[in-house]
Amino acid sequence: MEFTAAFQALSIRSVITATVVSYFFMALWYSPFVFGERWARESHLTGRLLRKRNTYGVYLITLLMNFSAAFILGIFITAEPTLQHGLMAGFGAGFFWVSMFISIIYTFERRPLVLYFIDCGYATIAFTIMGGILGGWKSLF
């Protein structure tokens, strides 16, 4: 399927849904209830450093990044839009593309292994969720 046809076959509602669900999953994953405190400690981000950032800007940028990721993943999945294909494509993108590149960077930066598992775990699960929503959209709704 060529890009134009894939773009036309893509449901913007599925992309928005995948974006929002992935965004809230990110908020949960990095919250103090799950891995937030450990992530901040391993990243050497203190409360003072985190408070200095423009929180609203960070949230807006991450929302746009989630949308971009969901949109492009949706373009890849529209060739065979099924729940199973979406889950497999999402897992593959999250684990084999994103996590492998994060691990390359973290290896050279000598980052802690715990931080690798937190960040790569998030990427893998978030992409799997997005892929499931994007691939299964027509059969679910």
Protein backbone atom coordinates (compact mmCIF):
# COMPACT_ATOMS: atom_id res chain seq x y z
CA MET A 1 0.00 0.00 0.00
CA GLU A 2 1.46 3.35 -0.98
CA PHE A 3 1.67 6.25 1.44
CA THR A 4 -1.28 8.21 0.02
CA ALA A 5 -3.60 5.20 0.23
CA ALA A 6 -2.39 4.38 3.75
CA PHE A 7 -2.93 7.98 4.81
CA GLN A 8 -6.48 7.97 3.43
CA ALA A 9 -7.28 4.63 5.11
CA LEU A 10 -6.07 5.86 8.50
CA SER A 11 -8.80 6.78 10.98
CA ILE A 12 -7.94 10.04 12.73
CA ARG A 13 -10.21 8.97 15.60
CA SER A 14 -8.07 5.89 16.14
CA VAL A 15 -4.92 8.04 16.13
CA ILE A 16 -6.41 10.46 18.66
CA THR A 17 -7.60 7.58 20.85
CA ALA A 18 -4.20 5.89 20.69
CA THR A 19 -2.55 9.22 21.53
CA VAL A 20 -4.74 9.90 24.56
CA VAL A 21 -4.52 6.35 25.93
CA SER A 22 -0.73 6.30 25.46
CA TYR A 23 -0.46 9.72 27.10
CA PHE A 24 -2.38 8.62 30.19
CA PHE A 25 -0.38 5.39 30.30
CA MET A 26 2.78 7.53 30.32
CA ALA A 27 1.40 9.62 33.18
CA LEU A 28 0.67 6.45 35.16
CA TRP A 29 4.00 4.75 34.33
CA TYR A 30 6.08 7.74 35.42
CA SER A 31 3.86 8.63 38.39
CA PRO A 32 5.04 8.15 41.99
CA PHE A 33 2.64 5.18 42.17
CA VAL A 34 4.60 3.16 39.62
CA PHE A 35 8.15 4.17 38.57
CA GLY A 36 8.24 7.97 38.94
CA GLU A 37 10.37 8.19 42.07
CA ARG A 38 12.79 5.50 40.94
CA TRP A 39 13.02 7.04 37.48
CA ALA A 40 13.76 10.51 38.93
CA ARG A 41 16.43 9.08 41.24
CA GLU A 42 18.12 7.05 38.48
CA SER A 43 17.94 10.03 36.09
CA HIS A 44 19.47 12.29 38.73
CA LEU A 45 16.52 14.66 38.49
CA THR A 46 15.81 16.26 41.82
CA GLY A 47 12.59 17.99 42.75
CA ARG A 48 14.30 21.36 42.28
CA LEU A 49 15.40 20.53 38.72
CA LEU A 50 11.96 19.20 37.82
CA ARG A 51 10.24 22.30 39.24
CA LYS A 52 12.45 24.60 37.13
CA ARG A 53 10.97 23.18 33.93
CA ASN A 54 7.87 24.56 32.27
CA THR A 55 5.54 21.71 33.22
CA TYR A 56 2.77 22.69 30.81
CA GLY A 57 5.25 22.94 27.96
CA VAL A 58 6.63 19.48 28.75
CA TYR A 59 3.12 17.99 28.79
CA LEU A 60 2.17 19.70 25.53
CA ILE A 61 5.33 18.56 23.77
CA THR A 62 4.91 14.96 24.97
CA LEU A 63 1.28 14.99 23.81
CA LEU A 64 2.41 16.12 20.34
CA MET A 65 5.14 13.46 20.32
CA ASN A 66 2.60 10.78 21.27
CA PHE A 67 0.35 11.97 18.44
CA SER A 68 3.24 11.85 15.94
CA ALA A 69 4.20 8.34 17.03
CA ALA A 70 0.59 7.11 16.86
CA PHE A 71 0.09 8.71 13.46
CA ILE A 72 3.15 7.12 11.85
CA LEU A 73 2.49 3.77 13.52
CA GLY A 74 -1.05 3.97 12.14
CA ILE A 75 0.32 4.54 8.63
CA PHE A 76 2.35 1.32 8.93
CA ILE A 77 -0.57 -0.67 10.35
CA THR A 78 -3.21 0.37 7.78
CA ALA A 79 -1.76 -2.13 5.29
CA GLU A 80 -3.22 -4.94 7.43
CA PRO A 81 -5.49 -3.41 10.10
CA THR A 82 -6.24 -6.23 12.54
CA LEU A 83 -5.89 -6.31 16.30
CA GLN A 84 -3.25 -9.04 16.16
CA HIS A 85 -1.23 -7.24 13.49
CA GLY A 86 -1.50 -3.96 15.39
CA LEU A 87 -0.30 -5.53 18.64
CA MET A 88 2.61 -7.25 16.89
CA ALA A 89 3.57 -4.12 14.95
CA GLY A 90 3.32 -1.97 18.07
CA PHE A 91 5.43 -4.40 20.09
CA GLY A 92 7.98 -4.63 17.29
CA ALA A 93 8.22 -0.85 16.97
CA GLY A 94 8.44 -0.33 20.72
CA PHE A 95 10.89 -3.10 21.52
CA PHE A 96 13.00 -3.58 18.40
CA TRP A 97 13.15 0.02 17.14
CA VAL A 98 12.69 2.40 20.06
CA SER A 99 14.10 0.29 22.90
CA MET A 100 17.11 -0.84 20.92
CA PHE A 101 18.03 2.74 20.08
CA ILE A 102 17.48 3.82 23.68
CA SER A 103 19.76 0.98 24.76
CA ILE A 104 22.48 2.12 22.33
CA ILE A 105 22.34 5.63 23.76
CA TYR A 106 22.18 4.40 27.37
CA THR A 107 25.14 2.07 26.80
CA PHE A 108 27.36 4.91 25.63
CA GLU A 109 26.10 7.20 28.39
CA ARG A 110 26.66 4.44 30.95
CA ARG A 111 23.15 4.88 32.34
CA PRO A 112 21.87 2.52 35.04
CA LEU A 113 20.24 -0.72 33.90
CA VAL A 114 17.17 0.08 36.01
CA LEU A 115 16.61 3.26 33.99
CA TYR A 116 16.88 1.23 30.79
CA PHE A 117 14.15 -1.14 31.97
CA ILE A 118 11.88 1.70 33.07
CA ASP A 119 12.19 3.70 29.85
CA CYS A 120 12.28 0.76 27.43
CA GLY A 121 9.45 -0.94 29.26
CA TYR A 122 7.36 2.19 28.83
CA ALA A 123 8.19 2.45 25.12
CA THR A 124 7.43 -1.20 24.43
CA ILE A 125 4.13 -1.27 26.29
CA ALA A 126 3.00 2.15 25.01
CA PHE A 127 3.64 1.18 21.38
CA THR A 128 1.92 -2.17 21.90
CA ILE A 129 -1.15 -0.38 23.29
CA MET A 130 -1.13 2.13 20.42
CA GLY A 131 -0.73 -0.67 17.89
CA GLY A 132 -3.63 -2.61 19.38
CA ILE A 133 -5.90 0.43 19.21
CA LEU A 134 -4.83 1.38 15.69
CA GLY A 135 -4.95 -2.16 14.32
CA GLY A 136 -8.13 -3.23 16.05
CA TRP A 137 -10.04 0.01 15.55
CA LYS A 138 -12.31 -1.21 12.75
CA SER A 139 -13.06 -4.54 14.42
CA LEU A 140 -13.62 -2.97 17.84
CA PHE A 141 -15.73 0.01 16.78
